[in-house]
Amino acid sequence: MLRLLLHSPGGCWVMQQQQGHLLTNALREAHDHVKSYNRSTVFA
């Protein structure tokens, strides 16, 4: 949902502000956690 919203005028504006790098970091961290979870074993 956030990736879709980033293509809107408001998303472009937010990315140009100081929060842009924080948003990018949050997306990267979420991607890394989901990827790590999906790769983990049932025991892990």
All heavy atoms as atom14 arrays in JSON, in Angstrom:
{
  "sequence": "MLRLLLHSPGGCWVMQQQQGHLLTNALREAHDHVKSYNRSTVFA",
  "atom14_mask": [
    [1, 1, 1, 1, 1, 1, 1, 1, 0, 0, 0, 0, 0, 0],
    [1, 1, 1, 1, 1, 1, 1, 1, 0, 0, 0, 0, 0, 0],
    [1, 1, 1, 1, 1, 1, 1, 1, 1, 1, 1, 0, 0, 0],
    [1, 1, 1, 1, 1, 1, 1, 1, 0, 0, 0, 0, 0, 0],
    [1, 1, 1, 1, 1, 1, 1, 1, 0, 0, 0, 0, 0, 0],
    [1, 1, 1, 1, 1, 1, 1, 1, 0, 0, 0, 0, 0, 0],
    [1, 1, 1, 1, 1, 1, 1, 1, 1, 1, 0, 0, 0, 0],
    [1, 1, 1, 1, 1, 1, 0, 0, 0, 0, 0, 0, 0, 0],
    [1, 1, 1, 1, 1, 1, 1, 0, 0, 0, 0, 0, 0, 0],
    [1, 1, 1, 1, 0, 0, 0, 0, 0, 0, 0, 0, 0, 0],
    [1, 1, 1, 1, 0, 0, 0, 0, 0, 0, 0, 0, 0, 0],
    [1, 1, 1, 1, 1, 1, 0, 0, 0, 0, 0, 0, 0, 0],
    [1, 1, 1, 1, 1, 1, 1, 1, 1, 1, 1, 1, 1, 1],
    [1, 1, 1, 1, 1, 1, 1, 0, 0, 0, 0, 0, 0, 0],
    [1, 1, 1, 1, 1, 1, 1, 1, 0, 0, 0, 0, 0, 0],
    [1, 1, 1, 1, 1, 1, 1, 1, 1, 0, 0, 0, 0, 0],
    [1, 1, 1, 1, 1, 1, 1, 1, 1, 0, 0, 0, 0, 0],
    [1, 1, 1, 1, 1, 1, 1, 1, 1, 0, 0, 0, 0, 0],
    [1, 1, 1, 1, 1, 1, 1, 1, 1, 0, 0, 0, 0, 0],
    [1, 1, 1, 1, 0, 0, 0, 0, 0, 0, 0, 0, 0, 0],
    [1, 1, 1, 1, 1, 1, 1, 1, 1, 1, 0, 0, 0, 0],
    [1, 1, 1, 1, 1, 1, 1, 1, 0, 0, 0, 0, 0, 0],
    [1, 1, 1, 1, 1, 1, 1, 1, 0, 0, 0, 0, 0, 0],
    [1, 1, 1, 1, 1, 1, 1, 0, 0, 0, 0, 0, 0, 0],
    [1, 1, 1, 1, 1, 1, 1, 1, 0, 0, 0, 0, 0, 0],
    [1, 1, 1, 1, 1, 0, 0, 0, 0, 0, 0, 0, 0, 0],
    [1, 1, 1, 1, 1, 1, 1, 1, 0, 0, 0, 0, 0, 0],
    [1, 1, 1, 1, 1, 1, 1, 1, 1, 1, 1, 0, 0, 0],
    [1, 1, 1, 1, 1, 1, 1, 1, 1, 0, 0, 0, 0, 0],
    [1, 1, 1, 1, 1, 0, 0, 0, 0, 0, 0, 0, 0, 0],
    [1, 1, 1, 1, 1, 1, 1, 1, 1, 1, 0, 0, 0, 0],
    [1, 1, 1, 1, 1, 1, 1, 1, 0, 0, 0, 0, 0, 0],
    [1, 1, 1, 1, 1, 1, 1, 1, 1, 1, 0, 0, 0, 0],
    [1, 1, 1, 1, 1, 1, 1, 0, 0, 0, 0, 0, 0, 0],
    [1, 1, 1, 1, 1, 1, 1, 1, 1, 0, 0, 0, 0, 0],
    [1, 1, 1, 1, 1, 1, 0, 0, 0, 0, 0, 0, 0, 0],
    [1, 1, 1, 1, 1, 1, 1, 1, 1, 1, 1, 1, 0, 0],
    [1, 1, 1, 1, 1, 1, 1, 1, 0, 0, 0, 0, 0, 0],
    [1, 1, 1, 1, 1, 1, 1, 1, 1, 1, 1, 0, 0, 0],
    [1, 1, 1, 1, 1, 1, 0, 0, 0, 0, 0, 0, 0, 0],
    [1, 1, 1, 1, 1, 1, 1, 0, 0, 0, 0, 0, 0, 0],
    [1, 1, 1, 1, 1, 1, 1, 0, 0, 0, 0, 0, 0, 0],
    [1, 1, 1, 1, 1, 1, 1, 1, 1, 1, 1, 0, 0, 0],
    [1, 1, 1, 1, 1, 0, 0, 0, 0, 0, 0, 0, 0, 0]
  ],
  "atom14_positions": [
    [[0.83, -1.2, 0.0], [0.0, 0.0, 0.0], [0.87, 1.26, 0.0], [0.62, 2.21, -0.75], [-0.93, 0.03, 1.22], [-1.85, 1.24, 1.23], [-2.79, 1.48, 2.75], [-3.35, -0.13, 3.16], [0.0, 0.0, 0.0], [0.0, 0.0, 0.0], [0.0, 0.0, 0.0], [0.0, 0.0, 0.0], [0.0, 0.0, 0.0], [0.0, 0.0, 0.0]],
    [[1.9, 1.26, 0.83], [2.79, 2.43, 0.9], [3.51, 2.65, -0.43], [3.64, 3.78, -0.89], [3.8, 2.26, 2.03], [4.78, 3.42, 2.23], [4.04, 4.73, 2.47], [5.72, 3.13, 3.38], [0.0, 0.0, 0.0], [0.0, 0.0, 0.0], [0.0, 0.0, 0.0], [0.0, 0.0, 0.0], [0.0, 0.0, 0.0], [0.0, 0.0, 0.0]],
    [[3.95, 1.59, -1.05], [4.63, 1.73, -2.35], [3.69, 2.32, -3.39], [4.12, 3.11, -4.24], [5.2, 0.41, -2.8], [6.39, 0.04, -1.96], [7.08, -1.18, -2.42], [8.14, -1.48, -1.44], [9.14, -2.26, -1.67], [9.27, -2.84, -2.82], [10.04, -2.47, -0.73], [0.0, 0.0, 0.0], [0.0, 0.0, 0.0], [0.0, 0.0, 0.0]],
    [[2.42, 1.96, -3.36], [1.45, 2.56, -4.28], [1.24, 4.04, -3.95], [1.17, 4.88, -4.85], [0.12, 1.81, -4.21], [0.09, 0.43, -4.85], [-1.23, -0.27, -4.55], [0.32, 0.52, -6.34], [0.0, 0.0, 0.0], [0.0, 0.0, 0.0], [0.0, 0.0, 0.0], [0.0, 0.0, 0.0], [0.0, 0.0, 0.0], [0.0, 0.0, 0.0]],
    [[1.13, 4.34, -2.65], [0.92, 5.73, -2.24], [2.11, 6.63, -2.59], [1.94, 7.83, -2.79], [0.63, 5.81, -0.73], [-0.75, 5.35, -0.29], [-0.82, 5.25, 1.23], [-1.82, 6.29, -0.82], [0.0, 0.0, 0.0], [0.0, 0.0, 0.0], [0.0, 0.0, 0.0], [0.0, 0.0, 0.0], [0.0, 0.0, 0.0], [0.0, 0.0, 0.0]],
    [[3.29, 6.05, -2.65], [4.48, 6.86, -2.98], [4.41, 7.44, -4.39], [5.09, 8.41, -4.69], [5.75, 6.03, -2.81], [6.16, 5.78, -1.36], [7.36, 4.84, -1.31], [6.46, 7.08, -0.64], [0.0, 0.0, 0.0], [0.0, 0.0, 0.0], [0.0, 0.0, 0.0], [0.0, 0.0, 0.0], [0.0, 0.0, 0.0], [0.0, 0.0, 0.0]],
    [[3.58, 6.87, -5.25], [3.44, 7.37, -6.61], [2.45, 8.53, -6.7], [2.29, 9.13, -7.75], [3.02, 6.25, -7.56], [4.06, 5.19, -7.7], [5.25, 5.39, -8.37], [4.11, 3.92, -7.22], [5.98, 4.29, -8.31], [5.31, 3.38, -7.62], [0.0, 0.0, 0.0], [0.0, 0.0, 0.0], [0.0, 0.0, 0.0], [0.0, 0.0, 0.0]],
    [[1.78, 8.83, -5.6], [0.81, 9.93, -5.58], [1.54, 11.25, -5.33], [2.71, 11.26, -4.94], [-0.22, 9.69, -4.46], [0.41, 9.82, -3.2], [0.0, 0.0, 0.0], [0.0, 0.0, 0.0], [0.0, 0.0, 0.0], [0.0, 0.0, 0.0], [0.0, 0.0, 0.0], [0.0, 0.0, 0.0], [0.0, 0.0, 0.0], [0.0, 0.0, 0.0]],
    [[0.86, 12.38, -5.57], [1.51, 13.68, -5.3], [1.99, 13.81, -3.85], [3.07, 14.33, -3.59], [0.41, 14.7, -5.62], [-0.5, 13.99, -6.57], [-0.45, 12.55, -6.17], [0.0, 0.0, 0.0], [0.0, 0.0, 0.0], [0.0, 0.0, 0.0], [0.0, 0.0, 0.0], [0.0, 0.0, 0.0], [0.0, 0.0, 0.0], [0.0, 0.0, 0.0]],
    [[1.18, 13.32, -2.92], [1.57, 13.39, -1.51], [2.8, 12.54, -1.22], [3.67, 12.92, -0.43], [0.0, 0.0, 0.0], [0.0, 0.0, 0.0], [0.0, 0.0, 0.0], [0.0, 0.0, 0.0], [0.0, 0.0, 0.0], [0.0, 0.0, 0.0], [0.0, 0.0, 0.0], [0.0, 0.0, 0.0], [0.0, 0.0, 0.0], [0.0, 0.0, 0.0]],
    [[2.89, 11.4, -1.88], [4.06, 10.53, -1.7], [5.32, 11.19, -2.22], [6.38, 11.13, -1.58], [0.0, 0.0, 0.0], [0.0, 0.0, 0.0], [0.0, 0.0, 0.0], [0.0, 0.0, 0.0], [0.0, 0.0, 0.0], [0.0, 0.0, 0.0], [0.0, 0.0, 0.0], [0.0, 0.0, 0.0], [0.0, 0.0, 0.0], [0.0, 0.0, 0.0]],
    [[5.19, 11.82, -3.37], [6.35, 12.54, -3.93], [6.78, 13.66, -3.0], [7.98, 13.87, -2.77], [6.01, 13.09, -5.31], [5.74, 11.81, -6.54], [0.0, 0.0, 0.0], [0.0, 0.0, 0.0], [0.0, 0.0, 0.0], [0.0, 0.0, 0.0], [0.0, 0.0, 0.0], [0.0, 0.0, 0.0], [0.0, 0.0, 0.0], [0.0, 0.0, 0.0]],
    [[5.8, 14.38, -2.45], [6.12, 15.49, -1.54], [6.84, 14.98, -0.29], [7.84, 15.55, 0.14], [4.84, 16.24, -1.15], [5.12, 17.42, -0.28], [5.49, 18.67, -0.67], [5.05, 17.44, 1.15], [5.67, 19.46, 0.43], [5.41, 18.74, 1.56], [4.74, 16.5, 2.11], [5.45, 19.11, 2.9], [4.78, 16.86, 3.44], [5.13, 18.16, 3.83]],
    [[6.31, 13.9, 0.3], [6.93, 13.35, 1.52], [8.36, 12.9, 1.24], [9.26, 13.13, 2.05], [6.07, 12.19, 2.09], [6.83, 11.42, 3.16], [4.77, 12.72, 2.66], [0.0, 0.0, 0.0], [0.0, 0.0, 0.0], [0.0, 0.0, 0.0], [0.0, 0.0, 0.0], [0.0, 0.0, 0.0], [0.0, 0.0, 0.0], [0.0, 0.0, 0.0]],
    [[8.59, 12.28, 0.11], [9.94, 11.81, -0.22], [10.93, 12.96, -0.4], [12.12, 12.8, -0.2], [9.92, 10.94, -1.48], [9.3, 9.58, -1.27], [10.07, 8.6, 0.04], [11.65, 8.25, -0.69], [0.0, 0.0, 0.0], [0.0, 0.0, 0.0], [0.0, 0.0, 0.0], [0.0, 0.0, 0.0], [0.0, 0.0, 0.0], [0.0, 0.0, 0.0]],
    [[10.44, 14.15, -0.77], [11.31, 15.31, -0.95], [11.62, 16.0, 0.37], [12.53, 16.81, 0.44], [10.67, 16.31, -1.92], [10.58, 15.78, -3.32], [9.76, 16.67, -4.22], [9.2, 17.68, -3.78], [9.66, 16.3, -5.49], [0.0, 0.0, 0.0], [0.0, 0.0, 0.0], [0.0, 0.0, 0.0], [0.0, 0.0, 0.0], [0.0, 0.0, 0.0]],
    [[10.86, 15.68, 1.41], [11.07, 16.3, 2.71], [12.14, 15.52, 3.49], [12.65, 14.52, 3.05], [9.75, 16.33, 3.5], [8.62, 17.03, 2.78], [8.98, 18.42, 2.32], [9.48, 19.23, 3.08], [8.76, 18.69, 1.03], [0.0, 0.0, 0.0], [0.0, 0.0, 0.0], [0.0, 0.0, 0.0], [0.0, 0.0, 0.0], [0.0, 0.0, 0.0]],
    [[12.42, 16.02, 4.68], [13.44, 15.37, 5.52], [13.04, 13.95, 5.92], [13.9, 13.13, 6.21], [13.69, 16.21, 6.76], [14.39, 17.51, 6.45], [14.6, 18.35, 7.69], [14.05, 18.06, 8.75], [15.39, 19.39, 7.57], [0.0, 0.0, 0.0], [0.0, 0.0, 0.0], [0.0, 0.0, 0.0], [0.0, 0.0, 0.0], [0.0, 0.0, 0.0]],
    [[11.73, 13.67, 5.94], [11.27, 12.33, 6.35], [11.52, 11.29, 5.26], [11.35, 10.11, 5.49], [9.77, 12.33, 6.66], [9.35, 13.23, 7.78], [8.88, 14.58, 7.25], [9.29, 15.04, 6.2], [8.03, 15.23, 8.01], [0.0, 0.0, 0.0], [0.0, 0.0, 0.0], [0.0, 0.0, 0.0], [0.0, 0.0, 0.0], [0.0, 0.0, 0.0]],
    [[11.9, 11.72, 4.07], [12.07, 10.8, 2.95], [13.04, 9.67, 3.25], [12.76, 8.51, 2.97], [0.0, 0.0, 0.0], [0.0, 0.0, 0.0], [0.0, 0.0, 0.0], [0.0, 0.0, 0.0], [0.0, 0.0, 0.0], [0.0, 0.0, 0.0], [0.0, 0.0, 0.0], [0.0, 0.0, 0.0], [0.0, 0.0, 0.0], [0.0, 0.0, 0.0]],
    [[14.17, 10.0, 3.86], [15.14, 8.94, 4.16], [14.64, 8.02, 5.27], [14.93, 6.83, 5.29], [16.52, 9.53, 4.5], [16.6, 10.12, 5.86], [16.11, 11.36, 6.17], [17.12, 9.62, 7.02], [16.31, 11.62, 7.45], [16.93, 10.58, 7.99], [0.0, 0.0, 0.0], [0.0, 0.0, 0.0], [0.0, 0.0, 0.0], [0.0, 0.0, 0.0]],
    [[13.84, 8.56, 6.2], [13.27, 7.72, 7.25], [12.26, 6.73, 6.66], [12.22, 5.56, 7.04], [12.59, 8.58, 8.32], [13.49, 9.52, 9.11], [12.67, 10.42, 10.01], [14.52, 8.73, 9.9], [0.0, 0.0, 0.0], [0.0, 0.0, 0.0], [0.0, 0.0, 0.0], [0.0, 0.0, 0.0], [0.0, 0.0, 0.0], [0.0, 0.0, 0.0]],
    [[11.47, 7.21, 5.71], [10.51, 6.35, 5.04], [11.22, 5.26, 4.26], [10.85, 4.09, 4.31], [9.63, 7.2, 4.12], [8.4, 6.53, 3.55], [7.33, 7.57, 3.33], [8.7, 5.83, 2.26], [0.0, 0.0, 0.0], [0.0, 0.0, 0.0], [0.0, 0.0, 0.0], [0.0, 0.0, 0.0], [0.0, 0.0, 0.0], [0.0, 0.0, 0.0]],
    [[12.28, 5.64, 3.55], [13.07, 4.66, 2.8], [13.66, 3.61, 3.73], [13.64, 2.42, 3.43], [14.19, 5.36, 2.0], [13.59, 6.35, 1.16], [14.97, 4.39, 1.16], [0.0, 0.0, 0.0], [0.0, 0.0, 0.0], [0.0, 0.0, 0.0], [0.0, 0.0, 0.0], [0.0, 0.0, 0.0], [0.0, 0.0, 0.0], [0.0, 0.0, 0.0]],
    [[14.18, 4.05, 4.87], [14.75, 3.12, 5.85], [13.68, 2.17, 6.39], [13.93, 0.98, 6.58], [15.4, 3.87, 7.0], [16.68, 4.56, 6.59], [17.25, 4.27, 5.53], [17.13, 5.5, 7.4], [0.0, 0.0, 0.0], [0.0, 0.0, 0.0], [0.0, 0.0, 0.0], [0.0, 0.0, 0.0], [0.0, 0.0, 0.0], [0.0, 0.0, 0.0]],
    [[12.47, 2.7, 6.66], [11.39, 1.85, 7.18], [10.99, 0.81, 6.14], [10.77, -0.36, 6.48], [10.18, 2.71, 7.56], [0.0, 0.0, 0.0], [0.0, 0.0, 0.0], [0.0, 0.0, 0.0], [0.0, 0.0, 0.0], [0.0, 0.0, 0.0], [0.0, 0.0, 0.0], [0.0, 0.0, 0.0], [0.0, 0.0, 0.0], [0.0, 0.0, 0.0]],
    [[10.91, 1.22, 4.87], [10.58, 0.25, 3.81], [11.66, -0.82, 3.67], [11.35, -2.0, 3.53], [10.42, 0.98, 2.47], [9.06, 1.58, 2.18], [9.1, 2.4, 0.9], [8.0, 0.52, 2.09], [0.0, 0.0, 0.0], [0.0, 0.0, 0.0], [0.0, 0.0, 0.0], [0.0, 0.0, 0.0], [0.0, 0.0, 0.0], [0.0, 0.0, 0.0]],
    [[12.91, -0.4, 3.73], [14.02, -1.35, 3.62], [14.01, -2.33, 4.79], [14.18, -3.54, 4.6], [15.35, -0.6, 3.56], [16.54, -1.51, 3.28], [17.85, -0.75, 3.16], [17.79, 0.22, 2.08], [17.89, 1.56, 2.24], [18.06, 2.06, 3.43], [17.83, 2.36, 1.21], [0.0, 0.0, 0.0], [0.0, 0.0, 0.0], [0.0, 0.0, 0.0]],
    [[13.8, -1.81, 5.99], [13.78, -2.67, 7.18], [12.61, -3.66, 7.11], [12.77, -4.84, 7.42], [13.67, -1.81, 8.43], [13.8, -2.6, 9.71], [13.77, -1.73, 10.95], [13.73, -0.49, 10.83], [13.76, -2.3, 12.04], [0.0, 0.0, 0.0], [0.0, 0.0, 0.0], [0.0, 0.0, 0.0], [0.0, 0.0, 0.0], [0.0, 0.0, 0.0]],
    [[11.44, -3.18, 6.68], [10.28, -4.06, 6.55], [10.57, -5.15, 5.52], [10.28, -6.33, 5.75], [9.05, -3.26, 6.15], [0.0, 0.0, 0.0], [0.0, 0.0, 0.0], [0.0, 0.0, 0.0], [0.0, 0.0, 0.0], [0.0, 0.0, 0.0], [0.0, 0.0, 0.0], [0.0, 0.0, 0.0], [0.0, 0.0, 0.0], [0.0, 0.0, 0.0]],
    [[11.14, -4.76, 4.39], [11.48, -5.74, 3.35], [12.46, -6.78, 3.88], [12.28, -7.98, 3.66], [12.07, -5.02, 2.14], [12.57, -5.95, 1.08], [11.73, -6.64, 0.24], [13.83, -6.32, 0.74], [12.45, -7.39, -0.58], [13.73, -7.21, -0.29], [0.0, 0.0, 0.0], [0.0, 0.0, 0.0], [0.0, 0.0, 0.0], [0.0, 0.0, 0.0]],
    [[13.48, -6.32, 4.61], [14.48, -7.24, 5.15], [13.86, -8.22, 6.15], [14.19, -9.41, 6.15], [15.62, -6.47, 5.8], [16.49, -5.73, 4.79], [16.37, -6.02, 3.58], [17.25, -4.84, 5.21], [0.0, 0.0, 0.0], [0.0, 0.0, 0.0], [0.0, 0.0, 0.0], [0.0, 0.0, 0.0], [0.0, 0.0, 0.0], [0.0, 0.0, 0.0]],
    [[12.97, -7.71, 7.03], [12.35, -8.59, 8.02], [11.43, -9.63, 7.36], [11.44, -10.8, 7.75], [11.56, -7.79, 9.05], [12.39, -7.3, 10.18], [13.01, -8.13, 11.08], [12.72, -6.05, 10.58], [13.68, -7.43, 11.96], [13.52, -6.16, 11.67], [0.0, 0.0, 0.0], [0.0, 0.0, 0.0], [0.0, 0.0, 0.0], [0.0, 0.0, 0.0]],
    [[10.65, -9.19, 6.38], [9.75, -10.13, 5.7], [10.57, -11.18, 4.95], [10.27, -12.38, 5.01], [8.79, -9.38, 4.75], [8.07, -10.34, 3.82], [7.8, -8.56, 5.55], [0.0, 0.0, 0.0], [0.0, 0.0, 0.0], [0.0, 0.0, 0.0], [0.0, 0.0, 0.0], [0.0, 0.0, 0.0], [0.0, 0.0, 0.0], [0.0, 0.0, 0.0]],
    [[11.63, -10.72, 4.28], [12.49, -11.65, 3.54], [13.15, -12.65, 4.5], [13.18, -13.85, 4.24], [13.55, -10.85, 2.79], [14.29, -11.6, 1.73], [15.01, -10.61, 0.84], [16.46, -10.95, 0.71], [17.18, -9.99, -0.11], [0.0, 0.0, 0.0], [0.0, 0.0, 0.0], [0.0, 0.0, 0.0], [0.0, 0.0, 0.0], [0.0, 0.0, 0.0]],
    [[13.64, -12.16, 5.62], [14.26, -13.01, 6.62], [13.25, -14.01, 7.18], [13.57, -15.2, 7.36], [14.84, -12.15, 7.74], [15.23, -12.92, 8.83], [0.0, 0.0, 0.0], [0.0, 0.0, 0.0], [0.0, 0.0, 0.0], [0.0, 0.0, 0.0], [0.0, 0.0, 0.0], [0.0, 0.0, 0.0], [0.0, 0.0, 0.0], [0.0, 0.0, 0.0]],
    [[12.05, -13.54, 7.45], [11.01, -14.42, 8.0], [10.66, -15.51, 6.99], [10.56, -16.68, 7.34], [9.77, -13.62, 8.37], [8.65, -14.49, 8.88], [8.66, -14.95, 10.19], [7.61, -14.87, 8.05], [7.66, -15.77, 10.66], [6.6, -15.7, 8.52], [6.63, -16.13, 9.83], [5.64, -16.95, 10.27], [0.0, 0.0, 0.0], [0.0, 0.0, 0.0]],
    [[10.48, -15.13, 5.74], [10.1, -16.1, 4.71], [11.2, -17.13, 4.45], [10.91, -18.25, 4.06], [9.71, -15.39, 3.41], [8.37, -14.7, 3.53], [7.52, -15.11, 4.31], [8.18, -13.65, 2.77], [0.0, 0.0, 0.0], [0.0, 0.0, 0.0], [0.0, 0.0, 0.0], [0.0, 0.0, 0.0], [0.0, 0.0, 0.0], [0.0, 0.0, 0.0]],
    [[12.45, -16.75, 4.66], [13.56, -17.68, 4.46], [13.84, -18.55, 5.69], [14.57, -19.53, 5.58], [14.83, -16.91, 4.11], [14.82, -16.33, 2.73], [16.13, -15.67, 2.44], [16.18, -15.17, 1.08], [17.15, -14.43, 0.6], [18.16, -14.1, 1.37], [17.12, -14.01, -0.63], [0.0, 0.0, 0.0], [0.0, 0.0, 0.0], [0.0, 0.0, 0.0]],
    [[13.29, -18.19, 6.83], [13.61, -18.91, 8.06], [12.93, -20.27, 8.08], [11.92, -20.51, 7.42], [13.19, -18.09, 9.28], [11.78, -17.95, 9.33], [0.0, 0.0, 0.0], [0.0, 0.0, 0.0], [0.0, 0.0, 0.0], [0.0, 0.0, 0.0], [0.0, 0.0, 0.0], [0.0, 0.0, 0.0], [0.0, 0.0, 0.0], [0.0, 0.0, 0.0]],
    [[13.49, -21.14, 8.9], [12.92, -22.48, 9.06], [11.78, -22.43, 10.08], [11.65, -21.45, 10.82], [13.99, -23.46, 9.57], [14.42, -23.03, 10.87], [15.17, -23.53, 8.62], [0.0, 0.0, 0.0], [0.0, 0.0, 0.0], [0.0, 0.0, 0.0], [0.0, 0.0, 0.0], [0.0, 0.0, 0.0], [0.0, 0.0, 0.0], [0.0, 0.0, 0.0]],
    [[10.99, -23.47, 10.12], [9.89, -23.54, 11.08], [10.44, -23.48, 12.5], [9.9, -22.78, 13.36], [9.05, -24.83, 10.87], [8.03, -24.99, 11.97], [8.4, -24.8, 9.5], [0.0, 0.0, 0.0], [0.0, 0.0, 0.0], [0.0, 0.0, 0.0], [0.0, 0.0, 0.0], [0.0, 0.0, 0.0], [0.0, 0.0, 0.0], [0.0, 0.0, 0.0]],
    [[11.54, -24.17, 12.73], [12.15, -24.16, 14.07], [12.57, -22.74, 14.46], [12.33, -22.3, 15.57], [13.35, -25.1, 14.12], [14.01, -25.13, 15.47], [13.41, -25.78, 16.54], [15.22, -24.48, 15.68], [14.0, -25.79, 17.78], [15.82, -24.49, 16.92], [15.21, -25.14, 17.98], [0.0, 0.0, 0.0], [0.0, 0.0, 0.0], [0.0, 0.0, 0.0]],
    [[13.19, -22.02, 13.53], [13.62, -20.64, 13.82], [12.42, -19.74, 14.09], [12.47, -18.86, 14.95], [14.44, -20.09, 12.66], [0.0, 0.0, 0.0], [0.0, 0.0, 0.0], [0.0, 0.0, 0.0], [0.0, 0.0, 0.0], [0.0, 0.0, 0.0], [0.0, 0.0, 0.0], [0.0, 0.0, 0.0], [0.0, 0.0, 0.0], [0.0, 0.0, 0.0]]
  ]
}
